Amino acid sequence: MLTTVREKQLSAIALSAIREEGAIPLLVESLKDADAYVRDSAARALGNLGEKAATEKVLDSLVESLKDANAIVRDSAARALVNLGEKATTEKGLLVRILRKDYCPKCAEKIHNEEEIDG
């Protein structure tokens, strides 16, 4: 079991370097770690995994990390979303998730249903 912040950081970096998809659940869980360095490393690692990591759970977790108290974690989450590729950044899904979670749930549903958004 990983106990120190440094062990957790190095684990996230190593898992992303070997492009191990099996690491995705651990990395998603690490986005909730108490330490900002661990959350930052997890976000970076998910981004390094590319499109194969662009699952609904990963996208939702990274969108949630956009609200992290730490600016570095927020930046890493945003970069990870970009690095997850076309699926994460160009489909309406990411926009809908952000709107639903933070801004305008009604707008998100309209986009999801491909209806016109009223001003």
N, C-alpha and C. Protein backbone atom coordinates (compact mmCIF):
# COMPACT_ATOMS: atom_id res chain seq x y z
N MET A 1 0.84 -1.17 0.00
CA MET A 1 0.00 0.00 0.00
C MET A 1 0.89 1.25 0.00
N LEU A 2 0.53 2.18 -0.84
CA LEU A 2 1.28 3.43 -0.92
C LEU A 2 0.88 4.33 0.24
N THR A 3 1.90 4.83 0.94
CA THR A 3 1.58 5.61 2.14
C THR A 3 2.07 7.04 2.07
N THR A 4 3.16 7.30 1.41
CA THR A 4 3.68 8.66 1.39
C THR A 4 3.23 9.38 0.13
N VAL A 5 3.24 10.70 0.22
CA VAL A 5 2.87 11.52 -0.93
C VAL A 5 3.80 11.21 -2.10
N ARG A 6 5.07 11.10 -1.84
CA ARG A 6 6.04 10.84 -2.91
C ARG A 6 5.79 9.50 -3.57
N GLU A 7 5.47 8.46 -2.80
CA GLU A 7 5.17 7.15 -3.37
C GLU A 7 3.96 7.23 -4.29
N LYS A 8 2.93 7.95 -3.85
CA LYS A 8 1.72 8.10 -4.65
C LYS A 8 2.01 8.86 -5.94
N GLN A 9 2.80 9.92 -5.83
CA GLN A 9 3.16 10.69 -7.03
C GLN A 9 3.92 9.82 -8.03
N LEU A 10 4.93 9.14 -7.55
CA LEU A 10 5.75 8.32 -8.43
C LEU A 10 4.95 7.18 -9.05
N SER A 11 4.01 6.65 -8.29
CA SER A 11 3.15 5.59 -8.81
C SER A 11 2.31 6.11 -9.97
N ALA A 12 1.72 7.28 -9.82
CA ALA A 12 0.90 7.86 -10.90
C ALA A 12 1.75 8.11 -12.14
N ILE A 13 2.93 8.64 -11.94
CA ILE A 13 3.82 8.94 -13.08
C ILE A 13 4.23 7.64 -13.79
N ALA A 14 4.58 6.63 -13.02
CA ALA A 14 5.01 5.35 -13.61
C ALA A 14 3.87 4.69 -14.37
N LEU A 15 2.67 4.71 -13.81
CA LEU A 15 1.54 4.08 -14.47
C LEU A 15 1.21 4.76 -15.80
N SER A 16 1.33 6.07 -15.84
CA SER A 16 1.04 6.75 -17.10
C SER A 16 2.17 6.53 -18.11
N ALA A 17 3.39 6.39 -17.62
CA ALA A 17 4.52 6.19 -18.53
C ALA A 17 4.44 4.84 -19.25
N ILE A 18 3.91 3.84 -18.58
CA ILE A 18 3.79 2.53 -19.23
C ILE A 18 2.43 2.37 -19.92
N ARG A 19 1.63 3.42 -19.88
CA ARG A 19 0.33 3.46 -20.56
C ARG A 19 -0.58 2.30 -20.15
N GLU A 20 -0.63 2.05 -18.87
CA GLU A 20 -1.40 0.95 -18.32
C GLU A 20 -2.86 1.36 -18.06
N GLU A 21 -3.77 0.85 -18.89
CA GLU A 21 -5.19 1.19 -18.75
C GLU A 21 -5.75 0.71 -17.42
N GLY A 22 -5.21 -0.36 -16.89
CA GLY A 22 -5.67 -0.88 -15.61
C GLY A 22 -5.46 0.09 -14.46
N ALA A 23 -4.64 1.11 -14.71
CA ALA A 23 -4.36 2.10 -13.67
C ALA A 23 -5.44 3.17 -13.57
N ILE A 24 -6.33 3.21 -14.54
CA ILE A 24 -7.31 4.30 -14.58
C ILE A 24 -8.13 4.42 -13.29
N PRO A 25 -8.68 3.33 -12.75
CA PRO A 25 -9.46 3.49 -11.50
C PRO A 25 -8.63 4.06 -10.34
N LEU A 26 -7.39 3.62 -10.22
CA LEU A 26 -6.52 4.13 -9.17
C LEU A 26 -6.24 5.62 -9.38
N LEU A 27 -6.01 6.02 -10.61
CA LEU A 27 -5.73 7.42 -10.90
C LEU A 27 -6.96 8.29 -10.65
N VAL A 28 -8.14 7.79 -11.01
CA VAL A 28 -9.38 8.54 -10.75
C VAL A 28 -9.54 8.72 -9.24
N GLU A 29 -9.30 7.67 -8.49
CA GLU A 29 -9.41 7.76 -7.03
C GLU A 29 -8.38 8.74 -6.47
N SER A 30 -7.20 8.79 -7.08
CA SER A 30 -6.14 9.68 -6.62
C SER A 30 -6.48 11.16 -6.84
N LEU A 31 -7.43 11.43 -7.74
CA LEU A 31 -7.87 12.81 -7.93
C LEU A 31 -8.56 13.36 -6.69
N LYS A 32 -8.94 12.46 -5.77
CA LYS A 32 -9.62 12.86 -4.53
C LYS A 32 -8.68 12.85 -3.33
N ASP A 33 -7.41 12.57 -3.55
CA ASP A 33 -6.45 12.49 -2.45
C ASP A 33 -6.38 13.82 -1.71
N ALA A 34 -6.03 13.75 -0.44
CA ALA A 34 -5.92 14.96 0.38
C ALA A 34 -4.77 15.86 -0.05
N ASP A 35 -3.76 15.28 -0.69
CA ASP A 35 -2.58 16.05 -1.06
C ASP A 35 -2.68 16.56 -2.51
N ALA A 36 -2.45 17.85 -2.69
CA ALA A 36 -2.55 18.46 -4.02
C ALA A 36 -1.51 17.90 -4.99
N TYR A 37 -0.33 17.53 -4.50
CA TYR A 37 0.69 16.96 -5.38
C TYR A 37 0.22 15.64 -5.98
N VAL A 38 -0.46 14.85 -5.17
CA VAL A 38 -0.98 13.57 -5.65
C VAL A 38 -2.09 13.81 -6.67
N ARG A 39 -3.01 14.74 -6.37
CA ARG A 39 -4.09 15.05 -7.30
C ARG A 39 -3.53 15.56 -8.63
N ASP A 40 -2.51 16.42 -8.55
CA ASP A 40 -1.86 16.95 -9.75
C ASP A 40 -1.24 15.81 -10.57
N SER A 41 -0.52 14.93 -9.92
CA SER A 41 0.13 13.81 -10.62
C SER A 41 -0.91 12.89 -11.25
N ALA A 42 -2.01 12.68 -10.57
CA ALA A 42 -3.07 11.81 -11.11
C ALA A 42 -3.70 12.44 -12.36
N ALA A 43 -3.97 13.72 -12.31
CA ALA A 43 -4.56 14.41 -13.47
C ALA A 43 -3.60 14.35 -14.66
N ARG A 44 -2.33 14.61 -14.39
CA ARG A 44 -1.33 14.55 -15.47
C ARG A 44 -1.24 13.14 -16.05
N ALA A 45 -1.26 12.16 -15.18
CA ALA A 45 -1.16 10.77 -15.62
C ALA A 45 -2.35 10.38 -16.50
N LEU A 46 -3.54 10.79 -16.09
CA LEU A 46 -4.72 10.49 -16.91
C LEU A 46 -4.61 11.15 -18.28
N GLY A 47 -4.14 12.37 -18.31
CA GLY A 47 -3.95 13.05 -19.58
C GLY A 47 -2.93 12.36 -20.46
N ASN A 48 -1.90 11.81 -19.84
CA ASN A 48 -0.86 11.10 -20.60
C ASN A 48 -1.36 9.80 -21.21
N LEU A 49 -2.43 9.26 -20.66
CA LEU A 49 -2.97 8.01 -21.19
C LEU A 49 -3.71 8.22 -22.51
N GLY A 50 -4.08 9.45 -22.79
CA GLY A 50 -4.72 9.75 -24.07
C GLY A 50 -6.15 9.27 -24.17
N GLU A 51 -6.60 9.10 -25.41
CA GLU A 51 -8.01 8.80 -25.68
C GLU A 51 -8.53 7.54 -25.01
N LYS A 52 -7.66 6.57 -24.78
CA LYS A 52 -8.15 5.34 -24.16
C LYS A 52 -8.63 5.58 -22.73
N ALA A 53 -8.24 6.71 -22.14
CA ALA A 53 -8.69 7.03 -20.79
C ALA A 53 -9.95 7.90 -20.80
N ALA A 54 -10.46 8.23 -21.97
CA ALA A 54 -11.59 9.15 -22.07
C ALA A 54 -12.92 8.45 -21.81
N THR A 55 -13.04 7.86 -20.63
CA THR A 55 -14.29 7.22 -20.24
C THR A 55 -15.17 8.24 -19.53
N GLU A 56 -16.42 7.90 -19.36
CA GLU A 56 -17.34 8.81 -18.68
C GLU A 56 -16.87 9.12 -17.27
N LYS A 57 -16.41 8.12 -16.55
CA LYS A 57 -15.94 8.32 -15.17
C LYS A 57 -14.72 9.25 -15.12
N VAL A 58 -13.79 9.05 -16.04
CA VAL A 58 -12.60 9.91 -16.09
C VAL A 58 -12.98 11.34 -16.43
N LEU A 59 -13.82 11.51 -17.44
CA LEU A 59 -14.24 12.86 -17.82
C LEU A 59 -14.94 13.55 -16.67
N ASP A 60 -15.87 12.86 -16.02
CA ASP A 60 -16.58 13.45 -14.88
C ASP A 60 -15.62 13.83 -13.76
N SER A 61 -14.65 12.96 -13.48
CA SER A 61 -13.70 13.23 -12.40
C SER A 61 -12.80 14.41 -12.73
N LEU A 62 -12.36 14.50 -13.98
CA LEU A 62 -11.51 15.63 -14.37
C LEU A 62 -12.30 16.94 -14.39
N VAL A 63 -13.55 16.88 -14.83
CA VAL A 63 -14.39 18.08 -14.78
C VAL A 63 -14.55 18.53 -13.33
N GLU A 64 -14.75 17.59 -12.43
CA GLU A 64 -14.85 17.93 -11.01
C GLU A 64 -13.54 18.56 -10.51
N SER A 65 -12.42 18.09 -11.02
CA SER A 65 -11.12 18.62 -10.61
C SER A 65 -10.89 20.05 -11.12
N LEU A 66 -11.68 20.48 -12.08
CA LEU A 66 -11.58 21.87 -12.55
C LEU A 66 -11.98 22.85 -11.45
N LYS A 67 -12.62 22.33 -10.41
CA LYS A 67 -13.04 23.16 -9.27
C LYS A 67 -12.14 22.97 -8.05
N ASP A 68 -11.03 22.27 -8.21
CA ASP A 68 -10.12 22.01 -7.09
C ASP A 68 -9.66 23.32 -6.46
N ALA A 69 -9.40 23.30 -5.18
CA ALA A 69 -8.92 24.49 -4.48
C ALA A 69 -7.53 24.91 -4.94
N ASN A 70 -6.76 23.97 -5.47
CA ASN A 70 -5.40 24.24 -5.89
C ASN A 70 -5.35 24.57 -7.38
N ALA A 71 -4.77 25.71 -7.72
CA ALA A 71 -4.72 26.16 -9.11
C ALA A 71 -3.91 25.22 -10.00
N ILE A 72 -2.88 24.62 -9.47
CA ILE A 72 -2.06 23.70 -10.26
C ILE A 72 -2.87 22.45 -10.63
N VAL A 73 -3.66 21.97 -9.69
CA VAL A 73 -4.51 20.81 -9.96
C VAL A 73 -5.55 21.17 -11.02
N ARG A 74 -6.15 22.34 -10.90
CA ARG A 74 -7.14 22.78 -11.89
C ARG A 74 -6.50 22.85 -13.28
N ASP A 75 -5.30 23.40 -13.35
CA ASP A 75 -4.60 23.50 -14.63
C ASP A 75 -4.30 22.12 -15.20
N SER A 76 -3.83 21.22 -14.37
CA SER A 76 -3.51 19.86 -14.82
C SER A 76 -4.76 19.13 -15.29
N ALA A 77 -5.88 19.35 -14.62
CA ALA A 77 -7.14 18.72 -15.03
C ALA A 77 -7.56 19.25 -16.40
N ALA A 78 -7.44 20.55 -16.60
CA ALA A 78 -7.81 21.14 -17.89
C ALA A 78 -6.91 20.61 -18.99
N ARG A 79 -5.62 20.53 -18.73
CA ARG A 79 -4.69 20.00 -19.73
C ARG A 79 -4.96 18.52 -20.01
N ALA A 80 -5.31 17.79 -18.97
CA ALA A 80 -5.63 16.37 -19.16
C ALA A 80 -6.84 16.20 -20.06
N LEU A 81 -7.86 17.04 -19.86
CA LEU A 81 -9.04 16.95 -20.71
C LEU A 81 -8.67 17.20 -22.17
N VAL A 82 -7.80 18.15 -22.40
CA VAL A 82 -7.34 18.41 -23.77
C VAL A 82 -6.56 17.21 -24.30
N ASN A 83 -5.70 16.64 -23.47
CA ASN A 83 -4.87 15.51 -23.90
C ASN A 83 -5.65 14.22 -24.12
N LEU A 84 -6.87 14.16 -23.60
CA LEU A 84 -7.67 12.95 -23.79
C LEU A 84 -8.18 12.84 -25.22
N GLY A 85 -7.94 13.88 -25.99
CA GLY A 85 -8.19 13.78 -27.42
C GLY A 85 -9.55 14.25 -27.87
N GLU A 86 -9.82 13.92 -29.11
CA GLU A 86 -11.01 14.41 -29.79
C GLU A 86 -12.29 14.02 -29.07
N LYS A 87 -12.35 12.82 -28.56
CA LYS A 87 -13.56 12.35 -27.89
C LYS A 87 -13.91 13.24 -26.70
N ALA A 88 -12.90 13.66 -25.98
CA ALA A 88 -13.13 14.46 -24.77
C ALA A 88 -13.38 15.92 -25.08
N THR A 89 -12.80 16.43 -26.14
CA THR A 89 -12.85 17.88 -26.34
C THR A 89 -13.81 18.34 -27.41
N THR A 90 -14.17 17.50 -28.36
CA THR A 90 -15.00 17.99 -29.45
C THR A 90 -16.44 17.51 -29.39
N GLU A 91 -16.71 16.45 -28.67
CA GLU A 91 -18.08 16.00 -28.56
C GLU A 91 -18.82 16.88 -27.57
N LYS A 92 -20.12 16.95 -27.73
CA LYS A 92 -20.93 17.75 -26.83
C LYS A 92 -20.86 17.24 -25.41
N GLY A 93 -20.46 16.00 -25.24
CA GLY A 93 -20.45 15.39 -23.92
C GLY A 93 -19.70 16.17 -22.87
N LEU A 94 -18.53 16.69 -23.19
CA LEU A 94 -17.75 17.42 -22.20
C LEU A 94 -18.43 18.73 -21.84
N LEU A 95 -18.92 19.45 -22.82
CA LEU A 95 -19.62 20.70 -22.56
C LEU A 95 -20.86 20.44 -21.71
N VAL A 96 -21.59 19.40 -22.03
CA VAL A 96 -22.79 19.07 -21.26
C VAL A 96 -22.42 18.76 -19.81
N ARG A 97 -21.36 18.01 -19.60
CA ARG A 97 -20.94 17.68 -18.23
C ARG A 97 -20.61 18.93 -17.43
N ILE A 98 -19.88 19.84 -18.04
CA ILE A 98 -19.48 21.06 -17.34
C ILE A 98 -20.72 21.90 -17.03
N LEU A 99 -21.59 22.07 -17.99
CA LEU A 99 -22.80 22.85 -17.76
C LEU A 99 -23.67 22.21 -16.69
N ARG A 100 -23.83 20.91 -16.76
CA ARG A 100 -24.70 20.21 -15.82
C ARG A 100 -24.18 20.33 -14.40
N LYS A 101 -22.88 20.23 -14.23
CA LYS A 101 -22.31 20.24 -12.90
C LYS A 101 -22.23 21.64 -12.30
N ASP A 102 -22.02 22.66 -13.12
CA ASP A 102 -21.68 23.95 -12.55
C ASP A 102 -22.56 25.12 -12.92
N TYR A 103 -23.09 25.12 -14.11
CA TYR A 103 -23.63 26.37 -14.59
C TYR A 103 -25.11 26.37 -14.93
N CYS A 104 -25.51 25.49 -15.80
CA CYS A 104 -26.87 25.59 -16.33
C CYS A 104 -27.38 24.19 -16.68
N PRO A 105 -27.90 23.47 -15.70
CA PRO A 105 -28.39 22.12 -15.99
C PRO A 105 -29.43 22.09 -17.11
N LYS A 106 -30.31 23.09 -17.16
CA LYS A 106 -31.33 23.15 -18.20
C LYS A 106 -30.68 23.30 -19.59
N CYS A 107 -29.64 24.14 -19.68
CA CYS A 107 -28.92 24.31 -20.94
C CYS A 107 -28.25 23.00 -21.35
N ALA A 108 -27.68 22.32 -20.38
CA ALA A 108 -27.00 21.06 -20.67
C ALA A 108 -27.97 20.05 -21.26
N GLU A 109 -29.15 19.96 -20.71
CA GLU A 109 -30.14 19.02 -21.22
C GLU A 109 -30.57 19.40 -22.64
N LYS A 110 -30.71 20.68 -22.90
CA LYS A 110 -31.09 21.12 -24.24
C LYS A 110 -29.99 20.77 -25.25
N ILE A 111 -28.74 20.99 -24.87
CA ILE A 111 -27.63 20.63 -25.77
C ILE A 111 -27.63 19.13 -25.99
N HIS A 112 -27.78 18.40 -24.90
CA HIS A 112 -27.79 16.94 -24.99
C HIS A 112 -28.88 16.46 -25.93
N ASN A 113 -30.02 17.09 -25.87
CA ASN A 113 -31.14 16.70 -26.72
C ASN A 113 -31.13 17.40 -28.08
N GLU A 114 -30.07 18.17 -28.35
CA GLU A 114 -29.89 18.90 -29.60
C GLU A 114 -31.04 19.87 -29.89
N GLU A 115 -31.52 20.48 -28.83
CA GLU A 115 -32.53 21.52 -29.00
C GLU A 115 -31.85 22.87 -29.02
N GLU A 116 -32.54 23.85 -29.52
CA GLU A 116 -32.00 25.21 -29.55
C GLU A 116 -32.05 25.79 -28.13
N ILE A 117 -30.96 26.47 -27.75
CA ILE A 117 -30.90 27.08 -26.42
C ILE A 117 -31.54 28.46 -26.49
N ASP A 118 -32.49 28.71 -25.60
CA ASP A 118 -33.12 30.01 -25.50
C ASP A 118 -32.19 30.95 -24.74
N GLY A 119 -32.13 32.23 -25.15
CA GLY A 119 -31.31 33.23 -24.48
C GLY A 119 -31.63 33.32 -23.08
